[in-house]
Amino acid sequence: MEFMIDYQEAPGILVATLLGELEPEGMLAYQTELNEQLSATQALLLVDMRQCQVGSVQIDALQQQATRQNAFGQAIRTALLVEGDHMYGLSRLYVANREVGEERIQVFRDYDEALGWLVGGEGNG
């Protein structure tokens, strides 16, 4: 499994782009690295997963990842940007199981809608 994270600072938003195949071990490594990258004041996060392929993700492993404390570090508003029905469904399942902390997470298929929700709180994925 390989994946790469590319960080770009948009005005007030941290954009993390995932590339390659993502499996449960990779999800844990990604979340750990992301926690280290987010500053204490960073509150808006866009995770671009449009170029990410899903490996053999098992539902129980996805649920375990979703219940991790501080899965997205200091981000209190996180937009997951995905492409394709399979990734959309898995991401929605992840969000449905994510009931830890004060953070807000939404899944989007459109980049502009994701940015609009992050900045203004509008839209629902």
N, C-alpha and C. Protein backbone atom coordinates (compact mmCIF):
# COMPACT_ATOMS: atom_id res chain seq x y z
N MET A 1 0.83 -1.18 0.00
CA MET A 1 0.00 0.00 0.00
C MET A 1 0.88 1.25 0.00
N GLU A 2 0.54 2.17 -0.83
CA GLU A 2 1.23 3.45 -0.86
C GLU A 2 0.20 4.57 -0.92
N PHE A 3 0.50 5.63 -0.21
CA PHE A 3 -0.29 6.84 -0.37
C PHE A 3 0.60 8.02 -0.01
N MET A 4 0.27 9.15 -0.56
CA MET A 4 1.05 10.35 -0.32
C MET A 4 0.10 11.45 0.14
N ILE A 5 0.57 12.25 1.07
CA ILE A 5 -0.23 13.38 1.54
C ILE A 5 0.47 14.65 1.12
N ASP A 6 -0.25 15.51 0.44
CA ASP A 6 0.28 16.79 -0.02
C ASP A 6 -0.49 17.89 0.69
N TYR A 7 0.21 18.69 1.49
CA TYR A 7 -0.45 19.74 2.26
C TYR A 7 -0.32 21.07 1.55
N GLN A 8 -1.44 21.76 1.42
CA GLN A 8 -1.46 23.10 0.85
C GLN A 8 -2.32 23.97 1.75
N GLU A 9 -1.83 25.14 2.08
CA GLU A 9 -2.60 26.06 2.91
C GLU A 9 -3.43 26.97 2.01
N ALA A 10 -4.73 26.78 2.00
CA ALA A 10 -5.63 27.74 1.38
C ALA A 10 -5.89 28.77 2.47
N PRO A 11 -6.44 29.94 2.13
CA PRO A 11 -6.68 30.94 3.17
C PRO A 11 -7.52 30.38 4.32
N GLY A 12 -6.88 30.11 5.45
CA GLY A 12 -7.57 29.61 6.63
C GLY A 12 -7.98 28.16 6.59
N ILE A 13 -7.59 27.43 5.52
CA ILE A 13 -7.98 26.04 5.37
C ILE A 13 -6.75 25.20 5.06
N LEU A 14 -6.61 24.08 5.76
CA LEU A 14 -5.56 23.12 5.44
C LEU A 14 -6.15 22.11 4.47
N VAL A 15 -5.51 21.97 3.30
CA VAL A 15 -5.96 21.02 2.29
C VAL A 15 -4.99 19.85 2.27
N ALA A 16 -5.48 18.66 2.57
CA ALA A 16 -4.67 17.45 2.54
C ALA A 16 -5.17 16.58 1.39
N THR A 17 -4.29 16.26 0.44
CA THR A 17 -4.66 15.46 -0.72
C THR A 17 -4.08 14.06 -0.58
N LEU A 18 -4.92 13.06 -0.64
CA LEU A 18 -4.47 11.68 -0.57
C LEU A 18 -4.41 11.09 -1.96
N LEU A 19 -3.32 10.40 -2.26
CA LEU A 19 -3.13 9.76 -3.55
C LEU A 19 -2.78 8.29 -3.33
N GLY A 20 -3.28 7.42 -4.18
CA GLY A 20 -2.90 6.02 -4.10
C GLY A 20 -3.93 5.19 -3.37
N GLU A 21 -3.53 3.96 -3.04
CA GLU A 21 -4.44 3.02 -2.39
C GLU A 21 -4.42 3.20 -0.88
N LEU A 22 -5.59 3.26 -0.30
CA LEU A 22 -5.72 3.49 1.13
C LEU A 22 -6.36 2.28 1.79
N GLU A 23 -5.68 1.73 2.77
CA GLU A 23 -6.17 0.59 3.54
C GLU A 23 -6.18 0.97 5.01
N PRO A 24 -6.75 0.14 5.89
CA PRO A 24 -6.87 0.50 7.31
C PRO A 24 -5.56 0.96 7.95
N GLU A 25 -4.46 0.27 7.68
CA GLU A 25 -3.18 0.68 8.26
C GLU A 25 -2.78 2.06 7.75
N GLY A 26 -3.05 2.31 6.49
CA GLY A 26 -2.74 3.61 5.91
C GLY A 26 -3.60 4.71 6.49
N MET A 27 -4.86 4.39 6.79
CA MET A 27 -5.75 5.37 7.40
C MET A 27 -5.22 5.80 8.75
N LEU A 28 -4.74 4.84 9.54
CA LEU A 28 -4.19 5.16 10.86
C LEU A 28 -2.94 6.01 10.73
N ALA A 29 -2.04 5.64 9.80
CA ALA A 29 -0.81 6.41 9.59
C ALA A 29 -1.14 7.82 9.12
N TYR A 30 -2.12 7.95 8.22
CA TYR A 30 -2.53 9.24 7.71
C TYR A 30 -3.07 10.12 8.83
N GLN A 31 -3.95 9.57 9.66
CA GLN A 31 -4.53 10.35 10.75
C GLN A 31 -3.46 10.77 11.74
N THR A 32 -2.50 9.90 12.02
CA THR A 32 -1.41 10.24 12.93
C THR A 32 -0.58 11.38 12.37
N GLU A 33 -0.22 11.29 11.08
CA GLU A 33 0.57 12.35 10.46
C GLU A 33 -0.21 13.65 10.40
N LEU A 34 -1.48 13.57 10.10
CA LEU A 34 -2.31 14.77 10.03
C LEU A 34 -2.39 15.46 11.38
N ASN A 35 -2.54 14.70 12.44
CA ASN A 35 -2.57 15.28 13.79
C ASN A 35 -1.30 16.06 14.07
N GLU A 36 -0.16 15.56 13.59
CA GLU A 36 1.11 16.25 13.81
C GLU A 36 1.20 17.52 12.98
N GLN A 37 0.56 17.55 11.82
CA GLN A 37 0.65 18.70 10.91
C GLN A 37 -0.30 19.84 11.30
N LEU A 38 -1.43 19.49 11.88
CA LEU A 38 -2.41 20.53 12.23
C LEU A 38 -1.91 21.36 13.40
N SER A 39 -2.01 22.64 13.27
CA SER A 39 -1.63 23.51 14.38
C SER A 39 -2.78 23.58 15.38
N ALA A 40 -2.50 24.08 16.56
CA ALA A 40 -3.52 24.16 17.61
C ALA A 40 -4.66 25.09 17.24
N THR A 41 -4.42 26.02 16.32
CA THR A 41 -5.46 26.98 15.95
C THR A 41 -6.18 26.59 14.67
N GLN A 42 -5.70 25.58 13.96
CA GLN A 42 -6.31 25.18 12.69
C GLN A 42 -7.68 24.57 12.94
N ALA A 43 -8.70 25.11 12.33
CA ALA A 43 -10.04 24.61 12.58
C ALA A 43 -10.72 24.09 11.32
N LEU A 44 -10.23 24.45 10.14
CA LEU A 44 -10.86 24.06 8.89
C LEU A 44 -9.95 23.14 8.10
N LEU A 45 -10.46 21.97 7.71
CA LEU A 45 -9.66 20.96 7.02
C LEU A 45 -10.43 20.40 5.84
N LEU A 46 -9.79 20.37 4.68
CA LEU A 46 -10.35 19.74 3.49
C LEU A 46 -9.48 18.53 3.15
N VAL A 47 -10.07 17.34 3.21
CA VAL A 47 -9.35 16.11 2.86
C VAL A 47 -9.81 15.71 1.47
N ASP A 48 -8.94 15.90 0.47
CA ASP A 48 -9.25 15.61 -0.92
C ASP A 48 -8.87 14.15 -1.21
N MET A 49 -9.88 13.31 -1.35
CA MET A 49 -9.66 11.88 -1.58
C MET A 49 -10.08 11.47 -2.99
N ARG A 50 -10.18 12.44 -3.90
CA ARG A 50 -10.66 12.13 -5.25
C ARG A 50 -9.71 11.26 -6.04
N GLN A 51 -8.42 11.27 -5.68
CA GLN A 51 -7.44 10.46 -6.39
C GLN A 51 -7.00 9.26 -5.55
N CYS A 52 -7.80 8.91 -4.58
CA CYS A 52 -7.49 7.83 -3.66
C CYS A 52 -8.36 6.62 -4.00
N GLN A 53 -7.73 5.45 -4.05
CA GLN A 53 -8.47 4.22 -4.26
C GLN A 53 -8.55 3.47 -2.94
N VAL A 54 -9.65 2.77 -2.76
CA VAL A 54 -9.85 2.02 -1.53
C VAL A 54 -9.43 0.58 -1.76
N GLY A 55 -8.59 0.07 -0.86
CA GLY A 55 -8.18 -1.33 -0.91
C GLY A 55 -9.25 -2.19 -0.26
N SER A 56 -8.82 -3.16 0.47
CA SER A 56 -9.74 -4.11 1.11
C SER A 56 -10.17 -3.59 2.48
N VAL A 57 -10.96 -2.54 2.48
CA VAL A 57 -11.44 -1.95 3.73
C VAL A 57 -12.56 -2.82 4.29
N GLN A 58 -12.41 -3.23 5.53
CA GLN A 58 -13.46 -3.98 6.20
C GLN A 58 -14.26 -3.02 7.06
N ILE A 59 -15.55 -3.26 7.14
CA ILE A 59 -16.44 -2.34 7.85
C ILE A 59 -16.03 -2.17 9.31
N ASP A 60 -15.65 -3.25 9.99
CA ASP A 60 -15.27 -3.12 11.40
C ASP A 60 -14.01 -2.28 11.56
N ALA A 61 -13.06 -2.38 10.62
CA ALA A 61 -11.85 -1.56 10.68
C ALA A 61 -12.20 -0.09 10.46
N LEU A 62 -13.12 0.17 9.54
CA LEU A 62 -13.56 1.54 9.28
C LEU A 62 -14.24 2.13 10.51
N GLN A 63 -15.05 1.34 11.18
CA GLN A 63 -15.72 1.80 12.39
C GLN A 63 -14.72 2.08 13.51
N GLN A 64 -13.68 1.25 13.62
CA GLN A 64 -12.64 1.49 14.63
C GLN A 64 -11.93 2.80 14.37
N GLN A 65 -11.59 3.07 13.10
CA GLN A 65 -10.93 4.32 12.76
C GLN A 65 -11.83 5.51 13.08
N ALA A 66 -13.11 5.37 12.83
CA ALA A 66 -14.05 6.47 13.05
C ALA A 66 -14.18 6.84 14.52
N THR A 67 -13.98 5.89 15.41
CA THR A 67 -14.17 6.17 16.83
C THR A 67 -12.89 6.60 17.53
N ARG A 68 -11.80 6.78 16.80
CA ARG A 68 -10.56 7.25 17.41
C ARG A 68 -10.73 8.68 17.91
N GLN A 69 -10.26 8.93 19.11
CA GLN A 69 -10.27 10.28 19.67
C GLN A 69 -9.36 11.17 18.83
N ASN A 70 -9.81 12.37 18.52
CA ASN A 70 -9.01 13.34 17.76
C ASN A 70 -8.52 12.79 16.43
N ALA A 71 -9.37 12.11 15.70
CA ALA A 71 -8.98 11.53 14.42
C ALA A 71 -8.45 12.58 13.46
N PHE A 72 -8.98 13.79 13.54
CA PHE A 72 -8.53 14.87 12.67
C PHE A 72 -7.89 15.99 13.47
N GLY A 73 -7.19 15.64 14.53
CA GLY A 73 -6.44 16.62 15.30
C GLY A 73 -7.29 17.75 15.82
N GLN A 74 -6.85 18.97 15.57
CA GLN A 74 -7.52 20.15 16.08
C GLN A 74 -8.63 20.65 15.15
N ALA A 75 -8.83 19.97 14.02
CA ALA A 75 -9.86 20.42 13.08
C ALA A 75 -11.24 20.20 13.69
N ILE A 76 -12.03 21.26 13.75
CA ILE A 76 -13.39 21.12 14.26
C ILE A 76 -14.41 21.10 13.12
N ARG A 77 -13.94 21.40 11.92
CA ARG A 77 -14.79 21.32 10.73
C ARG A 77 -13.95 20.67 9.63
N THR A 78 -14.40 19.51 9.17
CA THR A 78 -13.65 18.73 8.18
C THR A 78 -14.56 18.37 7.02
N ALA A 79 -14.10 18.67 5.80
CA ALA A 79 -14.82 18.29 4.59
C ALA A 79 -14.05 17.16 3.92
N LEU A 80 -14.72 16.04 3.68
CA LEU A 80 -14.13 14.93 2.95
C LEU A 80 -14.61 15.03 1.51
N LEU A 81 -13.69 15.21 0.57
CA LEU A 81 -14.01 15.37 -0.84
C LEU A 81 -13.70 14.06 -1.56
N VAL A 82 -14.72 13.44 -2.14
CA VAL A 82 -14.56 12.12 -2.74
C VAL A 82 -15.11 12.10 -4.16
N GLU A 83 -14.77 11.03 -4.87
CA GLU A 83 -15.28 10.82 -6.21
C GLU A 83 -15.74 9.37 -6.31
N GLY A 84 -16.87 9.15 -6.91
CA GLY A 84 -17.37 7.80 -7.10
C GLY A 84 -18.29 7.35 -5.97
N ASP A 85 -19.21 6.49 -6.34
CA ASP A 85 -20.22 6.03 -5.39
C ASP A 85 -19.62 5.22 -4.25
N HIS A 86 -18.63 4.37 -4.55
CA HIS A 86 -18.04 3.51 -3.52
C HIS A 86 -17.36 4.35 -2.44
N MET A 87 -16.53 5.31 -2.85
CA MET A 87 -15.84 6.18 -1.88
C MET A 87 -16.84 7.04 -1.13
N TYR A 88 -17.87 7.50 -1.82
CA TYR A 88 -18.89 8.33 -1.17
C TYR A 88 -19.59 7.52 -0.08
N GLY A 89 -19.98 6.30 -0.40
CA GLY A 89 -20.66 5.45 0.57
C GLY A 89 -19.79 5.12 1.77
N LEU A 90 -18.53 4.76 1.54
CA LEU A 90 -17.62 4.46 2.64
C LEU A 90 -17.38 5.69 3.51
N SER A 91 -17.24 6.84 2.87
CA SER A 91 -17.01 8.07 3.63
C SER A 91 -18.23 8.44 4.47
N ARG A 92 -19.42 8.25 3.91
CA ARG A 92 -20.64 8.52 4.68
C ARG A 92 -20.76 7.57 5.87
N LEU A 93 -20.37 6.32 5.67
CA LEU A 93 -20.38 5.34 6.76
C LEU A 93 -19.40 5.77 7.85
N TYR A 94 -18.22 6.25 7.43
CA TYR A 94 -17.22 6.73 8.38
C TYR A 94 -17.80 7.87 9.22
N VAL A 95 -18.41 8.84 8.55
CA VAL A 95 -18.97 10.00 9.24
C VAL A 95 -20.10 9.58 10.18
N ALA A 96 -20.91 8.64 9.75
CA ALA A 96 -22.02 8.17 10.59
C ALA A 96 -21.52 7.54 11.89
N ASN A 97 -20.34 6.95 11.84
CA ASN A 97 -19.76 6.32 13.03
C ASN A 97 -18.88 7.27 13.82
N ARG A 98 -18.71 8.48 13.32
CA ARG A 98 -17.80 9.45 13.94
C ARG A 98 -18.58 10.34 14.89
N GLU A 99 -18.72 9.96 16.12
CA GLU A 99 -19.47 10.75 17.10
C GLU A 99 -18.59 11.07 18.29
N VAL A 100 -17.36 11.48 18.03
CA VAL A 100 -16.40 11.76 19.09
C VAL A 100 -16.03 13.24 19.02
N GLY A 101 -16.10 13.94 20.13
CA GLY A 101 -15.63 15.32 20.19
C GLY A 101 -16.61 16.32 19.60
N GLU A 102 -16.09 17.52 19.40
CA GLU A 102 -16.89 18.65 18.95
C GLU A 102 -16.83 18.85 17.44
N GLU A 103 -16.04 18.06 16.74
CA GLU A 103 -15.82 18.29 15.31
C GLU A 103 -17.07 18.05 14.48
N ARG A 104 -17.10 18.68 13.33
CA ARG A 104 -18.18 18.51 12.36
C ARG A 104 -17.55 18.02 11.07
N ILE A 105 -18.10 16.95 10.52
CA ILE A 105 -17.56 16.35 9.30
C ILE A 105 -18.69 16.17 8.30
N GLN A 106 -18.41 16.53 7.04
CA GLN A 106 -19.36 16.33 5.94
C GLN A 106 -18.61 15.71 4.76
N VAL A 107 -19.34 14.98 3.93
CA VAL A 107 -18.79 14.36 2.73
C VAL A 107 -19.33 15.12 1.52
N PHE A 108 -18.43 15.43 0.57
CA PHE A 108 -18.80 16.18 -0.62
C PHE A 108 -18.23 15.53 -1.87
N ARG A 109 -18.90 15.77 -3.00
CA ARG A 109 -18.39 15.34 -4.30
C ARG A 109 -17.89 16.54 -5.11
N ASP A 110 -18.22 17.74 -4.66
CA ASP A 110 -17.87 18.96 -5.38
C ASP A 110 -16.95 19.84 -4.54
N TYR A 111 -15.82 20.25 -5.12
CA TYR A 111 -14.80 21.04 -4.42
C TYR A 111 -15.36 22.37 -3.92
N ASP A 112 -16.08 23.08 -4.78
CA ASP A 112 -16.61 24.39 -4.40
C ASP A 112 -17.64 24.28 -3.27
N GLU A 113 -18.47 23.24 -3.30
CA GLU A 113 -19.43 23.04 -2.21
C GLU A 113 -18.72 22.75 -0.90
N ALA A 114 -17.64 21.96 -0.98
CA ALA A 114 -16.87 21.64 0.23
C ALA A 114 -16.26 22.90 0.82
N LEU A 115 -15.66 23.74 -0.03
CA LEU A 115 -15.07 25.00 0.45
C LEU A 115 -16.14 25.91 1.02
N GLY A 116 -17.28 26.00 0.35
CA GLY A 116 -18.37 26.84 0.83
C GLY A 116 -18.85 26.41 2.21
N TRP A 117 -18.97 25.10 2.42
CA TRP A 117 -19.39 24.60 3.73
C TRP A 117 -18.34 24.89 4.79
N LEU A 118 -17.07 24.71 4.45
CA LEU A 118 -16.01 24.98 5.42
C LEU A 118 -16.02 26.43 5.86
N VAL A 119 -16.12 27.32 4.90
CA VAL A 119 -16.03 28.75 5.19
C VAL A 119 -17.33 29.30 5.77
N GLY A 120 -18.46 28.92 5.18
CA GLY A 120 -19.72 29.52 5.60
C GLY A 120 -20.68 28.59 6.29
N GLY A 121 -20.35 27.32 6.33
CA GLY A 121 -21.24 26.37 6.98
C GLY A 121 -22.45 25.98 6.15
N GLU A 122 -22.45 26.34 4.86
CA GLU A 122 -23.61 26.05 4.00
C GLU A 122 -23.42 24.71 3.29
N GLY A 123 -24.52 24.13 2.87
CA GLY A 123 -24.49 22.88 2.12
C GLY A 123 -24.50 21.68 3.04
N ASN A 124 -24.79 20.55 2.46
CA ASN A 124 -24.84 19.34 3.27
C ASN A 124 -24.25 18.12 2.58
N GLY A 125 -23.38 18.33 1.62
CA GLY A 125 -22.71 17.21 0.99
C GLY A 125 -23.47 16.66 -0.09
